[in-house]
Amino acid sequence: MPASAELVNSTDAYRRQARRLRCQYAGRPGQLHQSLRQLSAEQRPSGSTATSRPAGISVGTSAGIEAGRYPASAQGGPARRFADHLAQQMTASVLRYSQRLELLRSARRFGIGRFEANLLIAAVQERRRTRAMEGDEAIGDSNLPQWAAVLVVQSALLLGAWWTLFR
């Protein structure tokens, strides 16, 4: 079998395994990241840090840090510091593309690769979203002013219809 055919078959197998992992760990980004990194390490030939990739696909790690050399959840590690930086920088619930690019640039300065940076950004956004949802549930009757406004408008409409029809 030619070398290019072997590369295509191994790439297809890798993609299938990665899809299965994404489905299996859909709601758990930390475990998904760890399992994808492990899959990537298994696919990498022993003794080399570079993988053979189709043209146009680049590795998302910085030159100073090899992929898989530190756990993402390490206390005081680059990932933890970058996650703290993200929590401070992200103010809106929706992240603009230009903001994402700036965060990815800052991830490079922290020694975080593009793939891991995107996972961390998604994790911070999800944490922020769930905290906001928990805060809404804790407030309880915070929708009371909106319901009162709806009730006033509907009452005014009914009063206007009654006035027009029965006067």
C-alpha atoms as a PDB file:
ATOM      1  CA  MET A   1       0.000   0.000   0.000  1.00  0.00           C
ATOM      2  CA  PRO A   2       1.439   3.440  -0.918  1.00  0.00           C
ATOM      3  CA  ALA A   3       2.385   5.804   1.906  1.00  0.00           C
ATOM      4  CA  SER A   4      -0.292   8.333   0.894  1.00  0.00           C
ATOM      5  CA  ALA A   5      -3.014   5.643   1.096  1.00  0.00           C
ATOM      6  CA  GLU A   6      -1.790   4.630   4.570  1.00  0.00           C
ATOM      7  CA  LEU A   7      -1.952   8.279   5.661  1.00  0.00           C
ATOM      8  CA  VAL A   8      -5.532   8.608   4.366  1.00  0.00           C
ATOM      9  CA  ASN A   9      -6.625   5.393   6.138  1.00  0.00           C
ATOM     10  CA  SER A  10      -5.010   6.419   9.435  1.00  0.00           C
ATOM     11  CA  THR A  11      -6.490   9.915   9.112  1.00  0.00           C
ATOM     12  CA  ASP A  12      -9.968   8.484   8.509  1.00  0.00           C
ATOM     13  CA  ALA A  13      -9.628   6.154  11.495  1.00  0.00           C
ATOM     14  CA  TYR A  14      -8.432   9.053  13.648  1.00  0.00           C
ATOM     15  CA  ARG A  15     -11.411  11.175  12.577  1.00  0.00           C
ATOM     16  CA  ARG A  16     -13.872   8.382  13.363  1.00  0.00           C
ATOM     17  CA  GLN A  17     -12.369   7.897  16.823  1.00  0.00           C
ATOM     18  CA  ALA A  18     -12.373  11.653  17.468  1.00  0.00           C
ATOM     19  CA  ARG A  19     -16.057  11.882  16.461  1.00  0.00           C
ATOM     20  CA  ARG A  20     -16.921   9.062  18.856  1.00  0.00           C
ATOM     21  CA  LEU A  21     -15.088  10.845  21.663  1.00  0.00           C
ATOM     22  CA  ARG A  22     -16.825  14.145  20.893  1.00  0.00           C
ATOM     23  CA  CYS A  23     -20.188  12.405  21.081  1.00  0.00           C
ATOM     24  CA  GLN A  24     -19.278  10.499  24.245  1.00  0.00           C
ATOM     25  CA  TYR A  25     -17.994  13.576  26.124  1.00  0.00           C
ATOM     26  CA  ALA A  26     -20.320  16.190  24.602  1.00  0.00           C
ATOM     27  CA  GLY A  27     -21.193  17.879  27.899  1.00  0.00           C
ATOM     28  CA  ARG A  28     -17.794  17.497  29.556  1.00  0.00           C
ATOM     29  CA  PRO A  29     -15.178  19.659  27.803  1.00  0.00           C
ATOM     30  CA  GLY A  30     -12.356  18.785  30.201  1.00  0.00           C
ATOM     31  CA  GLN A  31     -12.687  15.048  29.680  1.00  0.00           C
ATOM     32  CA  LEU A  32     -13.169  15.566  25.936  1.00  0.00           C
ATOM     33  CA  HIS A  33      -9.967  17.567  25.743  1.00  0.00           C
ATOM     34  CA  GLN A  34      -8.023  14.991  27.723  1.00  0.00           C
ATOM     35  CA  SER A  35      -9.301  12.062  25.633  1.00  0.00           C
ATOM     36  CA  LEU A  36      -8.600  13.879  22.347  1.00  0.00           C
ATOM     37  CA  ARG A  37      -5.063  14.664  23.494  1.00  0.00           C
ATOM     38  CA  GLN A  38      -4.579  11.019  24.442  1.00  0.00           C
ATOM     39  CA  LEU A  39      -5.891   9.924  21.034  1.00  0.00           C
ATOM     40  CA  SER A  40      -3.520  12.361  19.361  1.00  0.00           C
ATOM     41  CA  ALA A  41      -0.583  11.038  21.388  1.00  0.00           C
ATOM     42  CA  GLU A  42      -1.475   7.465  20.416  1.00  0.00           C
ATOM     43  CA  GLN A  43      -1.533   8.411  16.731  1.00  0.00           C
ATOM     44  CA  ARG A  44       1.850  10.162  16.904  1.00  0.00           C
ATOM     45  CA  PRO A  45       4.787   7.943  15.928  1.00  0.00           C
ATOM     46  CA  SER A  46       6.992   7.108  18.916  1.00  0.00           C
ATOM     47  CA  GLY A  47      10.123   9.204  19.277  1.00  0.00           C
ATOM     48  CA  SER A  48       8.849  12.117  17.216  1.00  0.00           C
ATOM     49  CA  THR A  49       6.948  15.180  18.229  1.00  0.00           C
ATOM     50  CA  ALA A  50       5.867  16.060  14.711  1.00  0.00           C
ATOM     51  CA  THR A  51       3.041  14.234  12.999  1.00  0.00           C
ATOM     52  CA  SER A  52       2.588  13.730   9.321  1.00  0.00           C
ATOM     53  CA  ARG A  53      -0.302  15.935   8.288  1.00  0.00           C
ATOM     54  CA  PRO A  54      -1.952  16.796   5.025  1.00  0.00           C
ATOM     55  CA  ALA A  55      -0.783  20.069   3.514  1.00  0.00           C
ATOM     56  CA  GLY A  56      -2.337  23.184   5.016  1.00  0.00           C
ATOM     57  CA  ILE A  57      -2.955  21.753   8.495  1.00  0.00           C
ATOM     58  CA  SER A  58      -0.695  23.181  11.167  1.00  0.00           C
ATOM     59  CA  VAL A  59      -0.030  22.198  14.743  1.00  0.00           C
ATOM     60  CA  GLY A  60      -1.685  24.547  17.246  1.00  0.00           C
ATOM     61  CA  THR A  61       0.926  24.369  19.990  1.00  0.00           C
ATOM     62  CA  SER A  62       3.534  27.000  20.628  1.00  0.00           C
ATOM     63  CA  ALA A  63       7.202  26.223  20.098  1.00  0.00           C
ATOM     64  CA  GLY A  64       8.054  26.305  23.797  1.00  0.00           C
ATOM     65  CA  ILE A  65       5.539  23.694  24.987  1.00  0.00           C
ATOM     66  CA  GLU A  66       4.943  20.252  23.549  1.00  0.00           C
ATOM     67  CA  ALA A  67       1.390  18.958  23.381  1.00  0.00           C
ATOM     68  CA  GLY A  68       0.513  16.696  26.293  1.00  0.00           C
ATOM     69  CA  ARG A  69       3.351  17.835  28.575  1.00  0.00           C
ATOM     70  CA  TYR A  70       1.170  19.363  31.296  1.00  0.00           C
ATOM     71  CA  PRO A  71      -2.367  18.742  32.513  1.00  0.00           C
ATOM     72  CA  ALA A  72      -4.900  21.410  31.595  1.00  0.00           C
ATOM     73  CA  SER A  73      -6.178  21.563  35.166  1.00  0.00           C
ATOM     74  CA  ALA A  74      -2.764  22.033  36.808  1.00  0.00           C
ATOM     75  CA  GLN A  75      -2.772  24.595  39.597  1.00  0.00           C
ATOM     76  CA  GLY A  76      -0.737  27.606  38.549  1.00  0.00           C
ATOM     77  CA  GLY A  77      -0.030  26.100  35.128  1.00  0.00           C
ATOM     78  CA  PRO A  78      -0.389  28.018  31.876  1.00  0.00           C
ATOM     79  CA  ALA A  79      -3.919  26.716  31.287  1.00  0.00           C
ATOM     80  CA  ARG A  80      -5.090  27.846  34.742  1.00  0.00           C
ATOM     81  CA  ARG A  81      -3.500  31.281  34.310  1.00  0.00           C
ATOM     82  CA  PHE A  82      -5.048  31.629  30.847  1.00  0.00           C
ATOM     83  CA  ALA A  83      -8.484  30.591  32.176  1.00  0.00           C
ATOM     84  CA  ASP A  84      -8.187  33.259  34.880  1.00  0.00           C
ATOM     85  CA  HIS A  85      -7.188  35.778  32.210  1.00  0.00           C
ATOM     86  CA  LEU A  86     -10.237  34.748  30.144  1.00  0.00           C
ATOM     87  CA  ALA A  87     -12.582  35.205  33.079  1.00  0.00           C
ATOM     88  CA  GLN A  88     -11.325  38.773  33.476  1.00  0.00           C
ATOM     89  CA  GLN A  89     -11.356  39.640  29.758  1.00  0.00           C
ATOM     90  CA  MET A  90     -14.710  38.167  28.735  1.00  0.00           C
ATOM     91  CA  THR A  91     -17.449  40.591  29.735  1.00  0.00           C
ATOM     92  CA  ALA A  92     -20.200  39.904  27.187  1.00  0.00           C
ATOM     93  CA  SER A  93     -22.094  36.642  26.810  1.00  0.00           C
ATOM     94  CA  VAL A  94     -21.390  36.580  23.061  1.00  0.00           C
ATOM     95  CA  LEU A  95     -17.771  36.748  21.965  1.00  0.00           C
ATOM     96  CA  ARG A  96     -17.026  38.698  18.781  1.00  0.00           C
ATOM     97  CA  TYR A  97     -14.645  37.162  16.270  1.00  0.00           C
ATOM     98  CA  SER A  98     -12.107  39.950  16.764  1.00  0.00           C
ATOM     99  CA  GLN A  99     -12.196  39.355  20.530  1.00  0.00           C
ATOM    100  CA  ARG A 100     -11.661  35.614  19.996  1.00  0.00           C
ATOM    101  CA  LEU A 101      -8.641  36.318  17.785  1.00  0.00           C
ATOM    102  CA  GLU A 102      -7.189  38.604  20.437  1.00  0.00           C
ATOM    103  CA  LEU A 103      -7.726  35.932  23.100  1.00  0.00           C
ATOM    104  CA  LEU A 104      -6.029  33.351  20.876  1.00  0.00           C
ATOM    105  CA  ARG A 105      -3.062  35.704  20.474  1.00  0.00           C
ATOM    106  CA  SER A 106      -2.852  36.123  24.223  1.00  0.00           C
ATOM    107  CA  ALA A 107      -3.061  32.324  24.604  1.00  0.00           C
ATOM    108  CA  ARG A 108       0.105  32.061  22.537  1.00  0.00           C
ATOM    109  CA  ARG A 109       1.818  34.385  25.023  1.00  0.00           C
ATOM    110  CA  PHE A 110       0.719  32.045  27.844  1.00  0.00           C
ATOM    111  CA  GLY A 111       2.164  29.078  25.946  1.00  0.00           C
ATOM    112  CA  ILE A 112      -1.242  27.609  25.093  1.00  0.00           C
ATOM    113  CA  GLY A 113      -1.922  26.100  21.668  1.00  0.00           C
ATOM    114  CA  ARG A 114      -4.866  27.178  19.525  1.00  0.00           C
ATOM    115  CA  PHE A 115      -6.879  23.988  20.080  1.00  0.00           C
ATOM    116  CA  GLU A 116      -6.533  24.076  23.855  1.00  0.00           C
ATOM    117  CA  ALA A 117      -7.198  27.829  23.901  1.00  0.00           C
ATOM    118  CA  ASN A 118     -10.469  27.324  22.034  1.00  0.00           C
ATOM    119  CA  LEU A 119     -11.470  24.616  24.515  1.00  0.00           C
ATOM    120  CA  LEU A 120     -10.660  26.880  27.445  1.00  0.00           C
ATOM    121  CA  ILE A 121     -12.614  29.763  25.899  1.00  0.00           C
ATOM    122  CA  ALA A 122     -15.620  27.477  25.430  1.00  0.00           C
ATOM    123  CA  ALA A 123     -15.312  26.181  29.002  1.00  0.00           C
ATOM    124  CA  VAL A 124     -15.189  29.698  30.452  1.00  0.00           C
ATOM    125  CA  GLN A 125     -18.178  30.749  28.335  1.00  0.00           C
ATOM    126  CA  GLU A 126     -20.134  27.684  29.469  1.00  0.00           C
ATOM    127  CA  ARG A 127     -19.250  28.323  33.109  1.00  0.00           C
ATOM    128  CA  ARG A 128     -20.378  31.941  32.748  1.00  0.00           C
ATOM    129  CA  ARG A 129     -23.642  30.837  31.053  1.00  0.00           C
ATOM    130  CA  THR A 130     -24.482  28.249  33.740  1.00  0.00           C
ATOM    131  CA  ARG A 131     -23.742  30.739  36.519  1.00  0.00           C
ATOM    132  CA  ALA A 132     -26.055  33.240  34.851  1.00  0.00           C
ATOM    133  CA  MET A 133     -28.790  30.602  34.608  1.00  0.00           C
ATOM    134  CA  GLU A 134     -28.327  29.642  38.259  1.00  0.00           C
ATOM    135  CA  GLY A 135     -28.530  33.324  39.197  1.00  0.00           C
ATOM    136  CA  ASP A 136     -31.821  33.687  37.313  1.00  0.00           C
ATOM    137  CA  GLU A 137     -33.274  30.685  39.127  1.00  0.00           C
ATOM    138  CA  ALA A 138     -32.140  32.057  42.478  1.00  0.00           C
ATOM    139  CA  ILE A 139     -33.910  35.362  41.898  1.00  0.00           C
ATOM    140  CA  GLY A 140     -37.238  33.607  41.308  1.00  0.00           C
ATOM    141  CA  ASP A 141     -39.875  36.308  40.698  1.00  0.00           C
ATOM    142  CA  SER A 142     -37.576  38.613  38.749  1.00  0.00           C
ATOM    143  CA  ASN A 143     -40.013  38.503  35.790  1.00  0.00           C
ATOM    144  CA  LEU A 144     -42.753  40.199  37.819  1.00  0.00           C
ATOM    145  CA  PRO A 145     -42.272  43.674  36.220  1.00  0.00           C
ATOM    146  CA  GLN A 146     -42.514  42.178  32.711  1.00  0.00           C
ATOM    147  CA  TRP A 147     -45.690  40.286  33.592  1.00  0.00           C
ATOM    148  CA  ALA A 148     -47.186  43.427  35.129  1.00  0.00           C
ATOM    149  CA  ALA A 149     -46.452  45.362  31.943  1.00  0.00           C
ATOM    150  CA  VAL A 150     -48.070  42.648  29.811  1.00  0.00           C
ATOM    151  CA  LEU A 151     -51.118  42.644  32.091  1.00  0.00           C
ATOM    152  CA  VAL A 152     -51.490  46.447  31.848  1.00  0.00           C
ATOM    153  CA  VAL A 153     -51.209  46.430  28.033  1.00  0.00           C
ATOM    154  CA  GLN A 154     -53.701  43.562  27.673  1.00  0.00           C
ATOM    155  CA  SER A 155     -56.131  45.294  30.034  1.00  0.00           C
ATOM    156  CA  ALA A 156     -55.866  48.500  28.015  1.00  0.00           C
ATOM    157  CA  LEU A 157     -56.572  46.587  24.792  1.00  0.00           C
ATOM    158  CA  LEU A 158     -59.611  44.861  26.299  1.00  0.00           C
ATOM    159  CA  LEU A 159     -60.916  48.156  27.689  1.00  0.00           C
ATOM    160  CA  GLY A 160     -60.474  49.803  24.287  1.00  0.00           C
ATOM    161  CA  ALA A 161     -62.301  46.945  22.524  1.00  0.00           C
ATOM    162  CA  TRP A 162     -65.153  47.072  25.041  1.00  0.00           C
ATOM    163  CA  TRP A 163     -65.394  50.860  24.697  1.00  0.00           C
ATOM    164  CA  THR A 164     -65.535  50.617  20.882  1.00  0.00           C
ATOM    165  CA  LEU A 165     -68.076  47.777  20.713  1.00  0.00           C
ATOM    166  CA  PHE A 166     -70.496  48.678  23.498  1.00  0.00           C
ATOM    167  CA  ARG A 167     -70.583  52.438  23.540  1.00  0.00           C
END
